[in-house]
Amino acid sequence: MLGVNVLPHTPEALKEVIDANQLNWRNFADDGSIAKRWNSPATPSFYIIDHQGIIRHKWIGHPGEKTIESALEKLLRKVASDK
């Protein structure tokens, strides 16, 4: 999991948010360049990227934990069966 934060946080302020919310994944403070490159029209946006770097799912807005978990489980099953 990876967080790209487009809110106007400095890296130091973002670290405080990460620590306060006990986020255990890598997060970046984006100056807009990542969102532009990924053509992300809104926040939050969620992407699932497979082990080959291919975007398999993209949601604008929060799709819900069950939707994300289901998509991840399906992708993990596919990767395991391809081995």
PDB file of N, CA and C in Angstrom:
ATOM      1  N   MET A   1       0.847  -1.155   0.000  1.00  0.00           N
ATOM      2  CA  MET A   1       0.000   0.000   0.000  1.00  0.00           C
ATOM      3  C   MET A   1       0.897   1.223   0.000  1.00  0.00           C
ATOM      4  N   LEU A   2       0.393   2.259  -0.619  1.00  0.00           N
ATOM      5  CA  LEU A   2       1.153   3.485  -0.784  1.00  0.00           C
ATOM      6  C   LEU A   2       0.187   4.654  -0.680  1.00  0.00           C
ATOM      7  N   GLY A   3       0.552   5.677   0.053  1.00  0.00           N
ATOM      8  CA  GLY A   3      -0.274   6.875   0.161  1.00  0.00           C
ATOM      9  C   GLY A   3       0.380   8.047  -0.545  1.00  0.00           C
ATOM     10  N   VAL A   4      -0.390   8.704  -1.397  1.00  0.00           N
ATOM     11  CA  VAL A   4       0.074   9.925  -2.057  1.00  0.00           C
ATOM     12  C   VAL A   4      -0.882  11.020  -1.604  1.00  0.00           C
ATOM     13  N   ASN A   5      -0.377  11.915  -0.785  1.00  0.00           N
ATOM     14  CA  ASN A   5      -1.215  12.927  -0.156  1.00  0.00           C
ATOM     15  C   ASN A   5      -1.092  14.249  -0.894  1.00  0.00           C
ATOM     16  N   VAL A   6      -2.225  14.710  -1.432  1.00  0.00           N
ATOM     17  CA  VAL A   6      -2.229  15.947  -2.208  1.00  0.00           C
ATOM     18  C   VAL A   6      -2.674  17.146  -1.378  1.00  0.00           C
ATOM     19  N   LEU A   7      -3.009  16.902  -0.132  1.00  0.00           N
ATOM     20  CA  LEU A   7      -3.341  18.021   0.747  1.00  0.00           C
ATOM     21  C   LEU A   7      -2.075  18.838   0.981  1.00  0.00           C
ATOM     22  N   PRO A   8      -2.232  20.097   1.261  1.00  0.00           N
ATOM     23  CA  PRO A   8      -1.029  20.949   1.373  1.00  0.00           C
ATOM     24  C   PRO A   8      -0.241  20.722   2.666  1.00  0.00           C
ATOM     25  N   HIS A   9       0.285  19.520   2.809  1.00  0.00           N
ATOM     26  CA  HIS A   9       1.120  19.196   3.961  1.00  0.00           C
ATOM     27  C   HIS A   9       2.592  19.241   3.549  1.00  0.00           C
ATOM     28  N   THR A  10       3.405  19.789   4.406  1.00  0.00           N
ATOM     29  CA  THR A  10       4.843  19.609   4.227  1.00  0.00           C
ATOM     30  C   THR A  10       5.154  18.166   4.613  1.00  0.00           C
ATOM     31  N   PRO A  11       6.274  17.637   4.200  1.00  0.00           N
ATOM     32  CA  PRO A  11       6.621  16.280   4.638  1.00  0.00           C
ATOM     33  C   PRO A  11       6.628  16.143   6.163  1.00  0.00           C
ATOM     34  N   GLU A  12       7.058  17.184   6.864  1.00  0.00           N
ATOM     35  CA  GLU A  12       7.084  17.137   8.335  1.00  0.00           C
ATOM     36  C   GLU A  12       5.667  17.070   8.911  1.00  0.00           C
ATOM     37  N   ALA A  13       4.758  17.876   8.370  1.00  0.00           N
ATOM     38  CA  ALA A  13       3.371  17.861   8.851  1.00  0.00           C
ATOM     39  C   ALA A  13       2.707  16.523   8.514  1.00  0.00           C
ATOM     40  N   LEU A  14       3.011  15.985   7.342  1.00  0.00           N
ATOM     41  CA  LEU A  14       2.457  14.697   6.961  1.00  0.00           C
ATOM     42  C   LEU A  14       2.942  13.605   7.912  1.00  0.00           C
ATOM     43  N   LYS A  15       4.197  13.665   8.320  1.00  0.00           N
ATOM     44  CA  LYS A  15       4.724  12.672   9.269  1.00  0.00           C
ATOM     45  C   LYS A  15       3.939  12.708  10.569  1.00  0.00           C
ATOM     46  N   GLU A  16       3.558  13.904  11.018  1.00  0.00           N
ATOM     47  CA  GLU A  16       2.742  14.011  12.239  1.00  0.00           C
ATOM     48  C   GLU A  16       1.389  13.334  12.045  1.00  0.00           C
ATOM     49  N   VAL A  17       0.764  13.527  10.891  1.00  0.00           N
ATOM     50  CA  VAL A  17      -0.524  12.882  10.583  1.00  0.00           C
ATOM     51  C   VAL A  17      -0.359  11.367  10.544  1.00  0.00           C
ATOM     52  N   ILE A  18       0.703  10.909   9.900  1.00  0.00           N
ATOM     53  CA  ILE A  18       0.974   9.471   9.807  1.00  0.00           C
ATOM     54  C   ILE A  18       1.157   8.875  11.193  1.00  0.00           C
ATOM     55  N   ASP A  19       1.956   9.536  12.018  1.00  0.00           N
ATOM     56  CA  ASP A  19       2.199   9.047  13.378  1.00  0.00           C
ATOM     57  C   ASP A  19       0.917   9.057  14.205  1.00  0.00           C
ATOM     58  N   ALA A  20       0.149  10.138  14.120  1.00  0.00           N
ATOM     59  CA  ALA A  20      -1.078  10.266  14.910  1.00  0.00           C
ATOM     60  C   ALA A  20      -2.111   9.209  14.524  1.00  0.00           C
ATOM     61  N   ASN A  21      -2.147   8.833  13.239  1.00  0.00           N
ATOM     62  CA  ASN A  21      -3.123   7.858  12.760  1.00  0.00           C
ATOM     63  C   ASN A  21      -2.557   6.449  12.638  1.00  0.00           C
ATOM     64  N   GLN A  22      -1.300   6.289  13.057  1.00  0.00           N
ATOM     65  CA  GLN A  22      -0.620   4.994  13.051  1.00  0.00           C
ATOM     66  C   GLN A  22      -0.692   4.315  11.684  1.00  0.00           C
ATOM     67  N   LEU A  23      -0.415   5.095  10.637  1.00  0.00           N
ATOM     68  CA  LEU A  23      -0.402   4.542   9.282  1.00  0.00           C
ATOM     69  C   LEU A  23       0.896   3.783   9.092  1.00  0.00           C
ATOM     70  N   ASN A  24       0.799   2.526   8.700  1.00  0.00           N
ATOM     71  CA  ASN A  24       2.001   1.688   8.619  1.00  0.00           C
ATOM     72  C   ASN A  24       2.418   1.407   7.179  1.00  0.00           C
ATOM     73  N   TRP A  25       2.065   2.303   6.272  1.00  0.00           N
ATOM     74  CA  TRP A  25       2.502   2.170   4.888  1.00  0.00           C
ATOM     75  C   TRP A  25       3.189   3.450   4.454  1.00  0.00           C
ATOM     76  N   ARG A  26       3.964   3.350   3.384  1.00  0.00           N
ATOM     77  CA  ARG A  26       4.725   4.489   2.869  1.00  0.00           C
ATOM     78  C   ARG A  26       3.774   5.566   2.354  1.00  0.00           C
ATOM     79  N   ASN A  27       4.060   6.817   2.694  1.00  0.00           N
ATOM     80  CA  ASN A  27       3.253   7.952   2.267  1.00  0.00           C
ATOM     81  C   ASN A  27       4.146   9.041   1.697  1.00  0.00           C
ATOM     82  N   PHE A  28       3.614   9.735   0.715  1.00  0.00           N
ATOM     83  CA  PHE A  28       4.335  10.828   0.086  1.00  0.00           C
ATOM     84  C   PHE A  28       3.500  12.095   0.152  1.00  0.00           C
ATOM     85  N   ALA A  29       4.145  13.225   0.365  1.00  0.00           N
ATOM     86  CA  ALA A  29       3.501  14.533   0.255  1.00  0.00           C
ATOM     87  C   ALA A  29       3.691  14.978  -1.193  1.00  0.00           C
ATOM     88  N   ASP A  30       2.596  15.026  -1.950  1.00  0.00           N
ATOM     89  CA  ASP A  30       2.667  15.333  -3.381  1.00  0.00           C
ATOM     90  C   ASP A  30       2.482  16.822  -3.626  1.00  0.00           C
ATOM     91  N   ASP A  31       3.345  17.382  -4.426  1.00  0.00           N
ATOM     92  CA  ASP A  31       3.213  18.787  -4.813  1.00  0.00           C
ATOM     93  C   ASP A  31       2.285  18.954  -6.011  1.00  0.00           C
ATOM     94  N   GLY A  32       1.648  17.876  -6.416  1.00  0.00           N
ATOM     95  CA  GLY A  32       0.750  17.883  -7.565  1.00  0.00           C
ATOM     96  C   GLY A  32       1.306  17.121  -8.755  1.00  0.00           C
ATOM     97  N   SER A  33       2.607  16.868  -8.751  1.00  0.00           N
ATOM     98  CA  SER A  33       3.221  16.208  -9.909  1.00  0.00           C
ATOM     99  C   SER A  33       2.807  14.737 -10.034  1.00  0.00           C
ATOM    100  N   ILE A  34       2.646  14.036  -8.911  1.00  0.00           N
ATOM    101  CA  ILE A  34       2.225  12.633  -8.970  1.00  0.00           C
ATOM    102  C   ILE A  34       0.774  12.555  -9.430  1.00  0.00           C
ATOM    103  N   ALA A  35      -0.092  13.374  -8.854  1.00  0.00           N
ATOM    104  CA  ALA A  35      -1.505  13.372  -9.237  1.00  0.00           C
ATOM    105  C   ALA A  35      -1.669  13.713 -10.718  1.00  0.00           C
ATOM    106  N   LYS A  36      -0.880  14.634 -11.201  1.00  0.00           N
ATOM    107  CA  LYS A  36      -0.951  15.009 -12.620  1.00  0.00           C
ATOM    108  C   LYS A  36      -0.502  13.852 -13.502  1.00  0.00           C
ATOM    109  N   ARG A  37       0.605  13.230 -13.153  1.00  0.00           N
ATOM    110  CA  ARG A  37       1.141  12.125 -13.958  1.00  0.00           C
ATOM    111  C   ARG A  37       0.182  10.940 -13.991  1.00  0.00           C
ATOM    112  N   TRP A  38      -0.501  10.695 -12.872  1.00  0.00           N
ATOM    113  CA  TRP A  38      -1.430   9.571 -12.784  1.00  0.00           C
ATOM    114  C   TRP A  38      -2.832   9.952 -13.232  1.00  0.00           C
ATOM    115  N   ASN A  39      -3.010  11.215 -13.632  1.00  0.00           N
ATOM    116  CA  ASN A  39      -4.315  11.695 -14.081  1.00  0.00           C
ATOM    117  C   ASN A  39      -5.385  11.432 -13.020  1.00  0.00           C
ATOM    118  N   SER A  40      -5.077  11.784 -11.795  1.00  0.00           N
ATOM    119  CA  SER A  40      -5.999  11.584 -10.687  1.00  0.00           C
ATOM    120  C   SER A  40      -6.871  12.824 -10.545  1.00  0.00           C
ATOM    121  N   PRO A  41      -8.158  12.710 -10.886  1.00  0.00           N
ATOM    122  CA  PRO A  41      -9.019  13.888 -10.915  1.00  0.00           C
ATOM    123  C   PRO A  41      -9.561  14.338  -9.568  1.00  0.00           C
ATOM    124  N   ALA A  42      -9.450  13.511  -8.538  1.00  0.00           N
ATOM    125  CA  ALA A  42     -10.048  13.863  -7.251  1.00  0.00           C
ATOM    126  C   ALA A  42      -9.324  13.117  -6.141  1.00  0.00           C
ATOM    127  N   THR A  43      -9.617  13.528  -4.946  1.00  0.00           N
ATOM    128  CA  THR A  43      -9.091  12.844  -3.789  1.00  0.00           C
ATOM    129  C   THR A  43     -10.259  12.509  -2.861  1.00  0.00           C
ATOM    130  N   PRO A  44     -10.318  11.341  -2.339  1.00  0.00           N
ATOM    131  CA  PRO A  44      -9.320  10.288  -2.502  1.00  0.00           C
ATOM    132  C   PRO A  44      -9.523   9.508  -3.795  1.00  0.00           C
ATOM    133  N   SER A  45      -8.453   8.967  -4.289  1.00  0.00           N
ATOM    134  CA  SER A  45      -8.460   8.020  -5.400  1.00  0.00           C
ATOM    135  C   SER A  45      -7.697   6.794  -4.932  1.00  0.00           C
ATOM    136  N   PHE A  46      -8.193   5.641  -5.298  1.00  0.00           N
ATOM    137  CA  PHE A  46      -7.572   4.379  -4.892  1.00  0.00           C
ATOM    138  C   PHE A  46      -7.220   3.572  -6.121  1.00  0.00           C
ATOM    139  N   TYR A  47      -6.022   3.003  -6.121  1.00  0.00           N
ATOM    140  CA  TYR A  47      -5.541   2.177  -7.217  1.00  0.00           C
ATOM    141  C   TYR A  47      -5.055   0.850  -6.661  1.00  0.00           C
ATOM    142  N   ILE A  48      -5.286  -0.213  -7.395  1.00  0.00           N
ATOM    143  CA  ILE A  48      -4.636  -1.490  -7.104  1.00  0.00           C
ATOM    144  C   ILE A  48      -3.732  -1.770  -8.292  1.00  0.00           C
ATOM    145  N   ILE A  49      -2.454  -1.932  -7.991  1.00  0.00           N
ATOM    146  CA  ILE A  49      -1.430  -2.160  -9.007  1.00  0.00           C
ATOM    147  C   ILE A  49      -0.862  -3.557  -8.776  1.00  0.00           C
ATOM    148  N   ASP A  50      -0.813  -4.356  -9.832  1.00  0.00           N
ATOM    149  CA  ASP A  50      -0.331  -5.722  -9.657  1.00  0.00           C
ATOM    150  C   ASP A  50       1.194  -5.791  -9.608  1.00  0.00           C
ATOM    151  N   HIS A  51       1.714  -6.980  -9.461  1.00  0.00           N
ATOM    152  CA  HIS A  51       3.153  -7.211  -9.313  1.00  0.00           C
ATOM    153  C   HIS A  51       3.941  -6.880 -10.577  1.00  0.00           C
ATOM    154  N   GLN A  52       3.236  -6.654 -11.700  1.00  0.00           N
ATOM    155  CA  GLN A  52       3.890  -6.261 -12.941  1.00  0.00           C
ATOM    156  C   GLN A  52       3.796  -4.747 -13.181  1.00  0.00           C
ATOM    157  N   GLY A  53       3.200  -4.041 -12.216  1.00  0.00           N
ATOM    158  CA  GLY A  53       3.063  -2.588 -12.337  1.00  0.00           C
ATOM    159  C   GLY A  53       1.849  -2.145 -13.141  1.00  0.00           C
ATOM    160  N   ILE A  54       0.911  -3.047 -13.389  1.00  0.00           N
ATOM    161  CA  ILE A  54      -0.292  -2.735 -14.156  1.00  0.00           C
ATOM    162  C   ILE A  54      -1.421  -2.329 -13.213  1.00  0.00           C
ATOM    163  N   ILE A  55      -2.075  -1.217 -13.505  1.00  0.00           N
ATOM    164  CA  ILE A  55      -3.220  -0.787 -12.707  1.00  0.00           C
ATOM    165  C   ILE A  55      -4.380  -1.726 -13.010  1.00  0.00           C
ATOM    166  N   ARG A  56      -4.833  -2.435 -11.992  1.00  0.00           N
ATOM    167  CA  ARG A  56      -5.934  -3.394 -12.147  1.00  0.00           C
ATOM    168  C   ARG A  56      -7.276  -2.823 -11.716  1.00  0.00           C
ATOM    169  N   HIS A  57      -7.241  -1.867 -10.783  1.00  0.00           N
ATOM    170  CA  HIS A  57      -8.472  -1.222 -10.319  1.00  0.00           C
ATOM    171  C   HIS A  57      -8.174   0.230 -10.008  1.00  0.00           C
ATOM    172  N   LYS A  58      -9.165   1.089 -10.249  1.00  0.00           N
ATOM    173  CA  LYS A  58      -9.054   2.500  -9.898  1.00  0.00           C
ATOM    174  C   LYS A  58     -10.435   2.970  -9.455  1.00  0.00           C
ATOM    175  N   TRP A  59     -10.456   3.605  -8.304  1.00  0.00           N
ATOM    176  CA  TRP A  59     -11.701   4.157  -7.786  1.00  0.00           C
ATOM    177  C   TRP A  59     -11.510   5.631  -7.466  1.00  0.00           C
ATOM    178  N   ILE A  60     -12.447   6.445  -7.855  1.00  0.00           N
ATOM    179  CA  ILE A  60     -12.470   7.848  -7.458  1.00  0.00           C
ATOM    180  C   ILE A  60     -13.452   7.924  -6.298  1.00  0.00           C
ATOM    181  N   GLY A  61     -12.979   8.370  -5.153  1.00  0.00           N
ATOM    182  CA  GLY A  61     -13.770   8.286  -3.935  1.00  0.00           C
ATOM    183  C   GLY A  61     -13.505   6.948  -3.272  1.00  0.00           C
ATOM    184  N   HIS A  62     -13.897   6.828  -2.045  1.00  0.00           N
ATOM    185  CA  HIS A  62     -13.634   5.600  -1.281  1.00  0.00           C
ATOM    186  C   HIS A  62     -14.678   4.550  -1.636  1.00  0.00           C
ATOM    187  N   PRO A  63     -14.250   3.413  -2.202  1.00  0.00           N
ATOM    188  CA  PRO A  63     -15.194   2.377  -2.605  1.00  0.00           C
ATOM    189  C   PRO A  63     -15.675   1.501  -1.453  1.00  0.00           C
ATOM    190  N   GLY A  64     -15.060   1.648  -0.295  1.00  0.00           N
ATOM    191  CA  GLY A  64     -15.392   0.814   0.853  1.00  0.00           C
ATOM    192  C   GLY A  64     -14.361  -0.284   1.030  1.00  0.00           C
ATOM    193  N   GLU A  65     -14.141  -0.630   2.272  1.00  0.00           N
ATOM    194  CA  GLU A  65     -13.117  -1.628   2.586  1.00  0.00           C
ATOM    195  C   GLU A  65     -13.405  -2.975   1.958  1.00  0.00           C
ATOM    196  N   LYS A  66     -14.676  -3.398   1.959  1.00  0.00           N
ATOM    197  CA  LYS A  66     -15.013  -4.716   1.403  1.00  0.00           C
ATOM    198  C   LYS A  66     -14.703  -4.783  -0.084  1.00  0.00           C
ATOM    199  N   THR A  67     -14.955  -3.705  -0.803  1.00  0.00           N
ATOM    200  CA  THR A  67     -14.669  -3.674  -2.239  1.00  0.00           C
ATOM    201  C   THR A  67     -13.175  -3.790  -2.489  1.00  0.00           C
ATOM    202  N   ILE A  68     -12.393  -3.028  -1.736  1.00  0.00           N
ATOM    203  CA  ILE A  68     -10.937  -3.075  -1.895  1.00  0.00           C
ATOM    204  C   ILE A  68     -10.406  -4.460  -1.516  1.00  0.00           C
ATOM    205  N   GLU A  69     -10.840  -4.981  -0.377  1.00  0.00           N
ATOM    206  CA  GLU A  69     -10.376  -6.299   0.070  1.00  0.00           C
ATOM    207  C   GLU A  69     -10.728  -7.379  -0.939  1.00  0.00           C
ATOM    208  N   SER A  70     -11.930  -7.331  -1.496  1.00  0.00           N
ATOM    209  CA  SER A  70     -12.354  -8.315  -2.487  1.00  0.00           C
ATOM    210  C   SER A  70     -11.469  -8.260  -3.735  1.00  0.00           C
ATOM    211  N   ALA A  71     -11.184  -7.048  -4.201  1.00  0.00           N
ATOM    212  CA  ALA A  71     -10.334  -6.887  -5.382  1.00  0.00           C
ATOM    213  C   ALA A  71      -8.911  -7.383  -5.103  1.00  0.00           C
ATOM    214  N   LEU A  72      -8.392  -7.087  -3.913  1.00  0.00           N
ATOM    215  CA  LEU A  72      -7.049  -7.561  -3.547  1.00  0.00           C
ATOM    216  C   LEU A  72      -7.000  -9.087  -3.451  1.00  0.00           C
ATOM    217  N   GLU A  73      -8.002  -9.675  -2.806  1.00  0.00           N
ATOM    218  CA  GLU A  73      -8.036 -11.132  -2.670  1.00  0.00           C
ATOM    219  C   GLU A  73      -8.097 -11.804  -4.041  1.00  0.00           C
ATOM    220  N   LYS A  74      -8.908 -11.277  -4.939  1.00  0.00           N
ATOM    221  CA  LYS A  74      -9.026 -11.833  -6.290  1.00  0.00           C
ATOM    222  C   LYS A  74      -7.687 -11.753  -7.015  1.00  0.00           C
ATOM    223  N   LEU A  75      -7.017 -10.616  -6.908  1.00  0.00           N
ATOM    224  CA  LEU A  75      -5.725 -10.451  -7.566  1.00  0.00           C
ATOM    225  C   LEU A  75      -4.677 -11.390  -6.965  1.00  0.00           C
ATOM    226  N   LEU A  76      -4.662 -11.524  -5.643  1.00  0.00           N
ATOM    227  CA  LEU A  76      -3.702 -12.416  -4.996  1.00  0.00           C
ATOM    228  C   LEU A  76      -3.934 -13.870  -5.395  1.00  0.00           C
ATOM    229  N   ARG A  77      -5.192 -14.263  -5.506  1.00  0.00           N
ATOM    230  CA  ARG A  77      -5.496 -15.637  -5.954  1.00  0.00           C
ATOM    231  C   ARG A  77      -4.983 -15.862  -7.374  1.00  0.00           C
ATOM    232  N   LYS A  78      -5.162 -14.855  -8.240  1.00  0.00           N
ATOM    233  CA  LYS A  78      -4.694 -14.961  -9.621  1.00  0.00           C
ATOM    234  C   LYS A  78      -3.189 -15.079  -9.675  1.00  0.00           C
ATOM    235  N   VAL A  79      -2.495 -14.248  -8.910  1.00  0.00           N
ATOM    236  CA  VAL A  79      -1.023 -14.300  -8.894  1.00  0.00           C
ATOM    237  C   VAL A  79      -0.555 -15.663  -8.397  1.00  0.00           C
ATOM    238  N   ALA A  80      -1.190 -16.179  -7.344  1.00  0.00           N
ATOM    239  CA  ALA A  80      -0.797 -17.471  -6.797  1.00  0.00           C
ATOM    240  C   ALA A  80      -1.036 -18.602  -7.803  1.00  0.00           C
ATOM    241  N   SER A  81      -2.121 -18.518  -8.560  1.00  0.00           N
ATOM    242  CA  SER A  81      -2.418 -19.572  -9.525  1.00  0.00           C
ATOM    243  C   SER A  81      -1.525 -19.511 -10.764  1.00  0.00           C
ATOM    244  N   ASP A  82      -0.943 -18.336 -11.028  1.00  0.00           N
ATOM    245  CA  ASP A  82      -0.049 -18.154 -12.183  1.00  0.00           C
ATOM    246  C   ASP A  82       1.354 -18.686 -11.922  1.00  0.00           C
ATOM    247  N   LYS A  83       1.680 -18.993 -10.664  1.00  0.00           N
ATOM    248  CA  LYS A  83       3.037 -19.458 -10.325  1.00  0.00           C
ATOM    249  C   LYS A  83       3.253 -20.892 -10.703  1.00  0.00           C
TER     250      LYS A  83
END
